[in-house]
Amino acid sequence: MPMFFQSLRLRTPSRFAALALAATGLLLPAGASIAGAIAESSPALVELQPRAAVQTAIDAFRAAHSETFVNLRAGAITRVYGNAFSHAATPIDSADAFVHANAAMFGVLPTALAPIGPFADGSRVLPLVYDTLTNSYKFTLVAYSQYLDGVPVFRADLRVLVRNEAGFPAVLASSSIKDLGAFAS
């Protein structure tokens, strides 16, 4: 499949997509949607539901954490937030526990998420929200980068926000992990 169509699968329809469809010779009737035209021309390009194993992992997580919410976009998790969903002795341990227990709901194995941040220096731990009254930070952000066969996946990471309080509860996970199911490992 041409790289152009692979990139369309990851984005919402836009003017760019309309121009691209016109360039490929696919003409839209008046009132037709771009997403519908893409799906009609090649149904494999538009994935609206997560794969079965991912959906099973999401359902198990939701059952165990009924007060926590999971946002999906095009079948992939973008956010997990709400009540604490992981606890440990340190912020890194709390984030690591969440990743090891729940990587499947992001469609990856825990080994695909390296403890390397997406920042220029590769740091993975970032203190956030300084509190002048306590002279400490309220949160710690712990980041992971997605890898496939030792190669970093472009702009694919998972960031876990942990509150700096007793038990170090993880309260938010933000994901840009890519579905690489079509790639052989």
N, C-alpha and C. Protein backbone atom coordinates (compact mmCIF):
# COMPACT_ATOMS: atom_id res chain seq x y z
N MET A 1 0.85 -1.16 0.00
CA MET A 1 0.00 0.00 0.00
C MET A 1 0.90 1.23 0.00
N PRO A 2 0.61 2.22 -0.83
CA PRO A 2 1.45 3.43 -0.87
C PRO A 2 1.44 4.14 0.47
N MET A 3 2.57 4.77 0.80
CA MET A 3 2.72 5.46 2.08
C MET A 3 1.64 6.53 2.26
N PHE A 4 1.23 7.17 1.18
CA PHE A 4 0.20 8.20 1.26
C PHE A 4 -1.06 7.66 1.91
N PHE A 5 -1.52 6.49 1.49
CA PHE A 5 -2.75 5.93 2.04
C PHE A 5 -2.55 5.45 3.47
N GLN A 6 -1.35 5.02 3.83
CA GLN A 6 -1.09 4.64 5.22
C GLN A 6 -1.23 5.85 6.12
N SER A 7 -0.77 7.00 5.67
CA SER A 7 -0.88 8.20 6.51
C SER A 7 -2.33 8.65 6.64
N LEU A 8 -3.16 8.43 5.62
CA LEU A 8 -4.57 8.80 5.71
C LEU A 8 -5.28 8.00 6.79
N ARG A 9 -4.86 6.78 7.01
CA ARG A 9 -5.50 5.93 7.99
C ARG A 9 -5.35 6.51 9.39
N LEU A 10 -4.29 7.24 9.63
CA LEU A 10 -4.01 7.76 10.96
C LEU A 10 -4.56 9.16 11.19
N ARG A 11 -5.10 9.79 10.18
CA ARG A 11 -5.58 11.17 10.32
C ARG A 11 -7.08 11.24 10.07
N THR A 12 -7.67 12.28 10.57
CA THR A 12 -9.07 12.51 10.27
C THR A 12 -9.17 13.13 8.89
N PRO A 13 -10.27 12.94 8.19
CA PRO A 13 -10.41 13.52 6.86
C PRO A 13 -10.26 15.04 6.91
N SER A 14 -9.65 15.59 5.91
CA SER A 14 -9.40 17.03 5.87
C SER A 14 -9.40 17.50 4.42
N ARG A 15 -9.10 18.77 4.23
CA ARG A 15 -8.98 19.27 2.87
C ARG A 15 -7.85 18.57 2.14
N PHE A 16 -6.79 18.27 2.88
CA PHE A 16 -5.67 17.55 2.28
C PHE A 16 -6.15 16.20 1.71
N ALA A 17 -6.98 15.51 2.48
CA ALA A 17 -7.50 14.23 2.01
C ALA A 17 -8.38 14.42 0.78
N ALA A 18 -9.17 15.51 0.77
CA ALA A 18 -10.02 15.77 -0.39
C ALA A 18 -9.17 16.01 -1.64
N LEU A 19 -8.10 16.78 -1.48
CA LEU A 19 -7.20 17.03 -2.60
C LEU A 19 -6.53 15.73 -3.06
N ALA A 20 -6.14 14.92 -2.09
CA ALA A 20 -5.48 13.66 -2.43
C ALA A 20 -6.44 12.73 -3.16
N LEU A 21 -7.70 12.70 -2.72
CA LEU A 21 -8.69 11.85 -3.39
C LEU A 21 -8.91 12.33 -4.81
N ALA A 22 -8.97 13.64 -5.00
CA ALA A 22 -9.14 14.18 -6.34
C ALA A 22 -7.94 13.83 -7.21
N ALA A 23 -6.75 13.89 -6.63
CA ALA A 23 -5.53 13.57 -7.38
C ALA A 23 -5.47 12.11 -7.79
N THR A 24 -6.10 11.23 -7.01
CA THR A 24 -6.08 9.81 -7.34
C THR A 24 -7.20 9.43 -8.29
N GLY A 25 -8.05 10.39 -8.63
CA GLY A 25 -9.12 10.11 -9.58
C GLY A 25 -10.41 9.67 -8.92
N LEU A 26 -10.46 9.66 -7.59
CA LEU A 26 -11.67 9.28 -6.89
C LEU A 26 -12.53 10.52 -6.72
N LEU A 27 -13.63 10.59 -7.43
CA LEU A 27 -14.51 11.76 -7.37
C LEU A 27 -15.64 11.50 -6.40
N LEU A 28 -15.97 12.51 -5.63
CA LEU A 28 -17.03 12.39 -4.64
C LEU A 28 -18.31 13.01 -5.16
N PRO A 29 -19.44 12.30 -5.02
CA PRO A 29 -20.71 12.92 -5.36
C PRO A 29 -21.05 14.01 -4.34
N ALA A 30 -21.90 14.93 -4.70
CA ALA A 30 -22.28 16.02 -3.80
C ALA A 30 -22.83 15.44 -2.51
N GLY A 31 -22.36 15.96 -1.38
CA GLY A 31 -22.85 15.53 -0.07
C GLY A 31 -22.18 14.28 0.47
N ALA A 32 -21.31 13.64 -0.29
CA ALA A 32 -20.64 12.43 0.19
C ALA A 32 -19.51 12.81 1.14
N SER A 33 -19.24 11.93 2.09
CA SER A 33 -18.16 12.23 3.04
C SER A 33 -16.84 11.66 2.54
N ILE A 34 -15.77 12.33 2.90
CA ILE A 34 -14.43 11.87 2.51
C ILE A 34 -14.13 10.54 3.17
N ALA A 35 -14.46 10.43 4.47
CA ALA A 35 -14.19 9.18 5.19
C ALA A 35 -14.92 8.01 4.53
N GLY A 36 -16.18 8.25 4.14
CA GLY A 36 -16.94 7.19 3.47
C GLY A 36 -16.32 6.80 2.15
N ALA A 37 -15.83 7.77 1.40
CA ALA A 37 -15.19 7.49 0.12
C ALA A 37 -13.91 6.70 0.30
N ILE A 38 -13.14 7.05 1.32
CA ILE A 38 -11.91 6.30 1.58
C ILE A 38 -12.25 4.87 1.96
N ALA A 39 -13.23 4.71 2.85
CA ALA A 39 -13.61 3.37 3.29
C ALA A 39 -14.16 2.55 2.14
N GLU A 40 -14.94 3.19 1.26
CA GLU A 40 -15.52 2.50 0.12
C GLU A 40 -14.44 2.05 -0.87
N SER A 41 -13.46 2.91 -1.11
CA SER A 41 -12.43 2.58 -2.08
C SER A 41 -11.47 1.53 -1.56
N SER A 42 -11.24 1.50 -0.26
CA SER A 42 -10.36 0.50 0.33
C SER A 42 -10.71 0.35 1.80
N PRO A 43 -11.61 -0.57 2.14
CA PRO A 43 -12.07 -0.70 3.51
C PRO A 43 -10.95 -0.96 4.52
N ALA A 44 -9.84 -1.54 4.09
CA ALA A 44 -8.74 -1.82 5.02
C ALA A 44 -8.07 -0.53 5.49
N LEU A 45 -8.28 0.58 4.80
CA LEU A 45 -7.62 1.82 5.19
C LEU A 45 -8.25 2.47 6.41
N VAL A 46 -9.52 2.22 6.66
CA VAL A 46 -10.21 2.85 7.78
C VAL A 46 -10.53 1.79 8.81
N GLU A 47 -9.85 1.92 9.96
CA GLU A 47 -10.09 0.99 11.06
C GLU A 47 -10.79 1.74 12.17
N LEU A 48 -12.05 1.46 12.40
CA LEU A 48 -12.80 2.18 13.40
C LEU A 48 -12.87 1.44 14.73
N GLN A 49 -12.63 0.16 14.74
CA GLN A 49 -12.70 -0.63 15.96
C GLN A 49 -11.35 -1.23 16.27
N PRO A 50 -10.99 -1.31 17.57
CA PRO A 50 -9.73 -1.94 17.93
C PRO A 50 -9.76 -3.43 17.61
N ARG A 51 -8.58 -3.97 17.46
CA ARG A 51 -8.50 -5.40 17.25
C ARG A 51 -9.08 -6.13 18.45
N ALA A 52 -9.49 -7.37 18.28
CA ALA A 52 -10.19 -8.12 19.34
C ALA A 52 -9.37 -8.23 20.62
N ALA A 53 -8.09 -8.53 20.54
CA ALA A 53 -7.25 -8.67 21.74
C ALA A 53 -7.13 -7.34 22.48
N VAL A 54 -7.03 -6.26 21.73
CA VAL A 54 -6.94 -4.94 22.34
C VAL A 54 -8.26 -4.62 23.03
N GLN A 55 -9.37 -4.90 22.36
CA GLN A 55 -10.68 -4.62 22.95
C GLN A 55 -10.89 -5.45 24.22
N THR A 56 -10.43 -6.69 24.22
CA THR A 56 -10.54 -7.54 25.41
C THR A 56 -9.74 -6.93 26.57
N ALA A 57 -8.54 -6.44 26.28
CA ALA A 57 -7.70 -5.82 27.32
C ALA A 57 -8.35 -4.53 27.83
N ILE A 58 -8.94 -3.75 26.94
CA ILE A 58 -9.62 -2.52 27.35
C ILE A 58 -10.82 -2.86 28.25
N ASP A 59 -11.59 -3.85 27.85
CA ASP A 59 -12.75 -4.26 28.64
C ASP A 59 -12.34 -4.74 30.03
N ALA A 60 -11.25 -5.49 30.12
CA ALA A 60 -10.75 -5.97 31.41
C ALA A 60 -10.30 -4.80 32.28
N PHE A 61 -9.62 -3.83 31.67
CA PHE A 61 -9.18 -2.65 32.41
C PHE A 61 -10.38 -1.88 32.93
N ARG A 62 -11.37 -1.67 32.08
CA ARG A 62 -12.58 -0.93 32.49
C ARG A 62 -13.31 -1.65 33.61
N ALA A 63 -13.35 -2.97 33.57
CA ALA A 63 -14.01 -3.73 34.62
C ALA A 63 -13.27 -3.59 35.95
N ALA A 64 -11.95 -3.56 35.91
CA ALA A 64 -11.15 -3.43 37.13
C ALA A 64 -11.10 -2.00 37.65
N HIS A 65 -11.32 -1.03 36.77
CA HIS A 65 -11.21 0.39 37.13
C HIS A 65 -12.45 1.13 36.62
N SER A 66 -13.58 0.88 37.26
CA SER A 66 -14.85 1.43 36.76
C SER A 66 -14.92 2.95 36.84
N GLU A 67 -14.12 3.58 37.67
CA GLU A 67 -14.13 5.03 37.81
C GLU A 67 -13.07 5.70 36.94
N THR A 68 -12.45 4.94 36.06
CA THR A 68 -11.42 5.46 35.17
C THR A 68 -11.96 5.42 33.74
N PHE A 69 -11.62 6.43 32.96
CA PHE A 69 -12.16 6.56 31.61
C PHE A 69 -11.07 6.29 30.57
N VAL A 70 -11.50 5.74 29.44
CA VAL A 70 -10.58 5.43 28.34
C VAL A 70 -11.12 6.12 27.09
N ASN A 71 -10.33 7.03 26.52
CA ASN A 71 -10.71 7.70 25.27
C ASN A 71 -10.09 6.94 24.10
N LEU A 72 -10.91 6.70 23.08
CA LEU A 72 -10.45 6.03 21.86
C LEU A 72 -10.62 6.96 20.68
N ARG A 73 -9.68 6.89 19.76
CA ARG A 73 -9.80 7.60 18.48
C ARG A 73 -9.34 6.63 17.40
N ALA A 74 -10.24 6.33 16.48
CA ALA A 74 -9.96 5.40 15.38
C ALA A 74 -9.46 4.06 15.91
N GLY A 75 -10.04 3.61 17.03
CA GLY A 75 -9.71 2.30 17.57
C GLY A 75 -8.46 2.26 18.43
N ALA A 76 -7.80 3.39 18.64
CA ALA A 76 -6.58 3.42 19.46
C ALA A 76 -6.82 4.30 20.68
N ILE A 77 -6.25 3.91 21.80
CA ILE A 77 -6.38 4.69 23.03
C ILE A 77 -5.53 5.95 22.92
N THR A 78 -6.14 7.08 23.25
CA THR A 78 -5.41 8.33 23.30
C THR A 78 -5.21 8.78 24.75
N ARG A 79 -6.17 8.48 25.63
CA ARG A 79 -6.08 8.88 27.03
C ARG A 79 -6.72 7.83 27.93
N VAL A 80 -6.12 7.69 29.11
CA VAL A 80 -6.70 6.95 30.22
C VAL A 80 -6.64 7.93 31.38
N TYR A 81 -7.78 8.19 32.04
CA TYR A 81 -7.78 9.19 33.10
C TYR A 81 -8.92 8.93 34.08
N GLY A 82 -8.81 9.56 35.22
CA GLY A 82 -9.85 9.45 36.24
C GLY A 82 -9.24 9.03 37.56
N ASN A 83 -9.92 8.14 38.26
CA ASN A 83 -9.40 7.65 39.53
C ASN A 83 -8.09 6.92 39.31
N ALA A 84 -7.29 6.86 40.36
CA ALA A 84 -5.98 6.22 40.27
C ALA A 84 -6.11 4.79 39.75
N PHE A 85 -5.20 4.42 38.85
CA PHE A 85 -5.23 3.09 38.27
C PHE A 85 -3.93 2.32 38.47
N SER A 86 -3.02 2.88 39.24
CA SER A 86 -1.77 2.19 39.58
C SER A 86 -1.17 2.86 40.81
N HIS A 87 -0.56 2.06 41.68
CA HIS A 87 0.11 2.56 42.89
C HIS A 87 1.42 1.83 43.07
N ALA A 88 2.40 2.51 43.67
CA ALA A 88 3.69 1.87 43.98
C ALA A 88 4.47 2.77 44.93
N ALA A 89 5.70 2.36 45.23
CA ALA A 89 6.54 3.08 46.19
C ALA A 89 7.18 4.34 45.60
N THR A 90 7.32 4.42 44.27
CA THR A 90 7.91 5.59 43.61
C THR A 90 7.09 5.91 42.37
N PRO A 91 7.22 7.12 41.83
CA PRO A 91 6.49 7.45 40.59
C PRO A 91 6.87 6.52 39.43
N ILE A 92 8.15 6.21 39.30
CA ILE A 92 8.59 5.33 38.20
C ILE A 92 8.02 3.94 38.39
N ASP A 93 8.04 3.42 39.61
CA ASP A 93 7.48 2.09 39.86
C ASP A 93 5.98 2.05 39.57
N SER A 94 5.26 3.12 39.90
CA SER A 94 3.83 3.18 39.63
C SER A 94 3.56 3.17 38.13
N ALA A 95 4.30 3.99 37.39
CA ALA A 95 4.14 4.02 35.93
C ALA A 95 4.53 2.68 35.31
N ASP A 96 5.65 2.11 35.77
CA ASP A 96 6.09 0.82 35.25
C ASP A 96 5.04 -0.27 35.51
N ALA A 97 4.45 -0.26 36.70
CA ALA A 97 3.42 -1.26 37.02
C ALA A 97 2.23 -1.12 36.07
N PHE A 98 1.82 0.12 35.80
CA PHE A 98 0.72 0.33 34.86
C PHE A 98 1.07 -0.18 33.47
N VAL A 99 2.25 0.15 32.99
CA VAL A 99 2.67 -0.26 31.65
C VAL A 99 2.74 -1.78 31.54
N HIS A 100 3.36 -2.43 32.51
CA HIS A 100 3.50 -3.89 32.43
C HIS A 100 2.16 -4.60 32.53
N ALA A 101 1.24 -4.05 33.32
CA ALA A 101 -0.06 -4.69 33.47
C ALA A 101 -1.02 -4.39 32.32
N ASN A 102 -0.83 -3.27 31.61
CA ASN A 102 -1.84 -2.83 30.65
C ASN A 102 -1.34 -2.51 29.26
N ALA A 103 -0.15 -2.87 28.90
CA ALA A 103 0.38 -2.58 27.56
C ALA A 103 -0.51 -3.18 26.47
N ALA A 104 -1.14 -4.31 26.76
CA ALA A 104 -1.97 -4.98 25.76
C ALA A 104 -3.12 -4.11 25.28
N MET A 105 -3.64 -3.25 26.15
CA MET A 105 -4.77 -2.41 25.70
C MET A 105 -4.32 -1.30 24.76
N PHE A 106 -3.03 -1.09 24.68
CA PHE A 106 -2.48 -0.15 23.70
C PHE A 106 -2.03 -0.88 22.43
N GLY A 107 -2.20 -2.20 22.42
CA GLY A 107 -1.86 -3.01 21.25
C GLY A 107 -0.40 -3.37 21.14
N VAL A 108 0.35 -3.29 22.25
CA VAL A 108 1.78 -3.62 22.23
C VAL A 108 2.13 -4.52 23.42
N LEU A 109 3.29 -5.13 23.34
CA LEU A 109 3.85 -5.84 24.48
C LEU A 109 4.61 -4.84 25.33
N PRO A 110 4.75 -5.09 26.63
CA PRO A 110 5.52 -4.15 27.47
C PRO A 110 6.95 -3.95 26.96
N THR A 111 7.52 -4.97 26.31
CA THR A 111 8.89 -4.86 25.81
C THR A 111 9.01 -3.89 24.64
N ALA A 112 7.87 -3.52 24.02
CA ALA A 112 7.89 -2.56 22.91
C ALA A 112 7.97 -1.12 23.41
N LEU A 113 7.83 -0.93 24.73
CA LEU A 113 7.86 0.40 25.31
C LEU A 113 9.13 0.55 26.13
N ALA A 114 10.09 1.24 25.55
CA ALA A 114 11.39 1.42 26.20
C ALA A 114 11.33 2.59 27.17
N PRO A 115 12.05 2.48 28.29
CA PRO A 115 12.07 3.58 29.26
C PRO A 115 12.94 4.74 28.79
N ILE A 116 12.54 5.30 27.68
CA ILE A 116 13.24 6.44 27.07
C ILE A 116 12.17 7.47 26.73
N GLY A 117 12.40 8.70 27.15
CA GLY A 117 11.42 9.75 26.87
C GLY A 117 11.50 10.26 25.45
N PRO A 118 10.43 10.88 24.98
CA PRO A 118 10.40 11.42 23.62
C PRO A 118 11.07 12.79 23.53
N PHE A 119 11.69 13.23 24.60
CA PHE A 119 12.31 14.54 24.64
C PHE A 119 13.69 14.49 23.98
N ALA A 120 14.20 15.63 23.58
CA ALA A 120 15.47 15.70 22.84
C ALA A 120 16.62 15.02 23.56
N ASP A 121 16.66 15.12 24.89
CA ASP A 121 17.75 14.51 25.64
C ASP A 121 17.45 13.07 26.05
N GLY A 122 16.27 12.57 25.72
CA GLY A 122 15.92 11.19 26.03
C GLY A 122 15.46 10.98 27.47
N SER A 123 15.39 12.05 28.25
CA SER A 123 14.96 11.89 29.65
C SER A 123 13.52 11.38 29.68
N ARG A 124 13.23 10.60 30.70
CA ARG A 124 11.90 10.01 30.77
C ARG A 124 11.11 10.45 31.98
N VAL A 125 11.73 11.15 32.92
CA VAL A 125 11.05 11.59 34.13
C VAL A 125 11.08 13.12 34.17
N LEU A 126 9.89 13.69 34.34
CA LEU A 126 9.77 15.15 34.34
C LEU A 126 8.86 15.57 35.49
N PRO A 127 9.40 16.33 36.47
CA PRO A 127 8.53 16.84 37.54
C PRO A 127 7.65 17.97 36.99
N LEU A 128 6.40 18.00 37.43
CA LEU A 128 5.44 19.00 36.93
C LEU A 128 4.68 19.66 38.06
N VAL A 129 4.26 20.89 37.86
CA VAL A 129 3.43 21.70 38.74
C VAL A 129 4.10 21.91 40.09
N TYR A 130 4.99 22.88 40.12
CA TYR A 130 5.71 23.21 41.34
C TYR A 130 4.79 23.92 42.33
N ASP A 131 4.81 23.47 43.58
CA ASP A 131 4.00 24.05 44.64
C ASP A 131 4.92 24.80 45.60
N THR A 132 4.80 26.15 45.64
CA THR A 132 5.68 26.96 46.49
C THR A 132 5.41 26.75 47.98
N LEU A 133 4.19 26.35 48.33
CA LEU A 133 3.87 26.13 49.75
C LEU A 133 4.60 24.91 50.31
N THR A 134 4.69 23.87 49.52
CA THR A 134 5.35 22.64 50.00
C THR A 134 6.77 22.52 49.48
N ASN A 135 7.16 23.42 48.59
CA ASN A 135 8.50 23.38 47.99
C ASN A 135 8.77 22.04 47.28
N SER A 136 7.73 21.56 46.59
CA SER A 136 7.86 20.29 45.87
C SER A 136 6.93 20.31 44.65
N TYR A 137 7.04 19.27 43.85
CA TYR A 137 6.20 19.15 42.66
C TYR A 137 4.98 18.28 42.96
N LYS A 138 3.85 18.63 42.37
CA LYS A 138 2.61 17.88 42.60
C LYS A 138 2.56 16.59 41.78
N PHE A 139 3.21 16.57 40.61
CA PHE A 139 3.13 15.43 39.70
C PHE A 139 4.51 15.06 39.17
N THR A 140 4.61 13.82 38.71
CA THR A 140 5.77 13.36 37.97
C THR A 140 5.26 12.71 36.69
N LEU A 141 5.82 13.11 35.56
CA LEU A 141 5.49 12.52 34.27
C LEU A 141 6.57 11.50 33.94
N VAL A 142 6.15 10.26 33.66
CA VAL A 142 7.09 9.19 33.29
C VAL A 142 6.76 8.77 31.87
N ALA A 143 7.77 8.80 31.00
CA ALA A 143 7.54 8.56 29.56
C ALA A 143 8.21 7.28 29.07
N TYR A 144 7.63 6.73 28.01
CA TYR A 144 8.14 5.53 27.34
C TYR A 144 8.05 5.78 25.84
N SER A 145 9.02 5.28 25.10
CA SER A 145 9.00 5.39 23.64
C SER A 145 8.75 4.02 23.04
N GLN A 146 7.98 3.98 21.97
CA GLN A 146 7.67 2.72 21.29
C GLN A 146 8.81 2.34 20.35
N TYR A 147 9.18 1.07 20.39
CA TYR A 147 10.22 0.53 19.52
C TYR A 147 9.70 -0.73 18.84
N LEU A 148 10.22 -1.00 17.66
CA LEU A 148 9.94 -2.25 16.95
C LEU A 148 11.28 -2.79 16.49
N ASP A 149 11.64 -3.95 16.97
CA ASP A 149 12.92 -4.59 16.64
C ASP A 149 14.10 -3.65 16.87
N GLY A 150 14.08 -2.93 17.96
CA GLY A 150 15.18 -2.04 18.31
C GLY A 150 15.19 -0.71 17.58
N VAL A 151 14.18 -0.46 16.76
CA VAL A 151 14.10 0.79 15.99
C VAL A 151 12.98 1.64 16.59
N PRO A 152 13.27 2.91 16.93
CA PRO A 152 12.22 3.76 17.49
C PRO A 152 11.13 4.05 16.45
N VAL A 153 9.90 4.05 16.91
CA VAL A 153 8.76 4.38 16.05
C VAL A 153 8.56 5.89 16.14
N PHE A 154 8.50 6.54 15.00
CA PHE A 154 8.42 8.00 14.93
C PHE A 154 7.19 8.53 15.67
N ARG A 155 7.43 9.44 16.60
CA ARG A 155 6.37 10.11 17.36
C ARG A 155 5.39 9.14 18.00
N ALA A 156 5.91 8.07 18.58
CA ALA A 156 5.06 7.09 19.25
C ALA A 156 5.56 6.92 20.68
N ASP A 157 4.75 7.39 21.62
CA ASP A 157 5.16 7.28 23.01
C ASP A 157 3.95 7.14 23.92
N LEU A 158 4.23 6.77 25.15
CA LEU A 158 3.22 6.68 26.20
C LEU A 158 3.75 7.48 27.37
N ARG A 159 2.90 8.36 27.91
CA ARG A 159 3.29 9.20 29.05
C ARG A 159 2.31 8.95 30.18
N VAL A 160 2.85 8.66 31.36
CA VAL A 160 2.02 8.37 32.53
C VAL A 160 2.25 9.45 33.58
N LEU A 161 1.15 10.08 34.00
CA LEU A 161 1.21 11.14 35.01
C LEU A 161 0.89 10.53 36.37
N VAL A 162 1.80 10.76 37.33
CA VAL A 162 1.68 10.20 38.67
C VAL A 162 1.63 11.35 39.67
N ARG A 163 0.67 11.28 40.60
CA ARG A 163 0.60 12.28 41.66
C ARG A 163 1.67 11.99 42.70
N ASN A 164 2.37 13.01 43.15
CA ASN A 164 3.41 12.85 44.16
C ASN A 164 2.79 12.92 45.56
N GLU A 165 2.19 11.82 45.95
CA GLU A 165 1.59 11.68 47.28
C GLU A 165 1.72 10.22 47.68
N ALA A 166 1.29 9.89 48.87
CA ALA A 166 1.43 8.52 49.37
C ALA A 166 0.87 7.52 48.37
N GLY A 167 1.65 6.52 48.03
CA GLY A 167 1.22 5.48 47.08
C GLY A 167 1.47 5.84 45.63
N PHE A 168 1.85 7.07 45.36
CA PHE A 168 2.14 7.54 44.00
C PHE A 168 1.12 7.02 42.98
N PRO A 169 -0.14 7.50 43.09
CA PRO A 169 -1.17 7.03 42.18
C PRO A 169 -0.99 7.58 40.75
N ALA A 170 -1.10 6.69 39.79
CA ALA A 170 -1.11 7.09 38.38
C ALA A 170 -2.53 7.53 38.05
N VAL A 171 -2.66 8.73 37.47
CA VAL A 171 -4.00 9.29 37.25
C VAL A 171 -4.28 9.63 35.78
N LEU A 172 -3.26 9.58 34.94
CA LEU A 172 -3.45 9.90 33.52
C LEU A 172 -2.39 9.18 32.70
N ALA A 173 -2.82 8.61 31.60
CA ALA A 173 -1.88 8.06 30.61
C ALA A 173 -2.27 8.66 29.27
N SER A 174 -1.28 9.19 28.56
CA SER A 174 -1.50 9.80 27.26
C SER A 174 -0.70 9.00 26.24
N SER A 175 -1.38 8.55 25.20
CA SER A 175 -0.74 7.64 24.25
C SER A 175 -0.75 8.16 22.82
N SER A 176 0.37 8.00 22.16
CA SER A 176 0.45 8.19 20.71
C SER A 176 1.07 6.93 20.09
N ILE A 177 0.84 5.80 20.74
CA ILE A 177 1.38 4.51 20.28
C ILE A 177 0.72 4.15 18.96
N LYS A 178 1.52 3.65 18.04
CA LYS A 178 1.04 3.30 16.69
C LYS A 178 0.73 1.81 16.61
N ASP A 179 -0.31 1.48 15.86
CA ASP A 179 -0.65 0.08 15.59
C ASP A 179 0.27 -0.41 14.47
N LEU A 180 1.19 -1.28 14.80
CA LEU A 180 2.13 -1.80 13.82
C LEU A 180 1.84 -3.25 13.47
N GLY A 181 0.57 -3.62 13.60
CA GLY A 181 0.17 -4.99 13.35
C GLY A 181 0.54 -5.52 11.97
N ALA A 182 0.63 -4.66 10.96
CA ALA A 182 0.95 -5.09 9.60
C ALA A 182 2.44 -5.30 9.38
N PHE A 183 3.26 -4.84 10.30
CA PHE A 183 4.70 -4.97 10.15
C PHE A 183 5.19 -6.26 10.80
N ALA A 184 6.04 -6.97 10.11
CA ALA A 184 6.62 -8.19 10.67
C ALA A 184 7.71 -7.82 11.65
N SER A 185 7.76 -8.56 12.76
CA SER A 185 8.82 -8.26 13.73
C SER A 185 9.84 -9.37 13.75
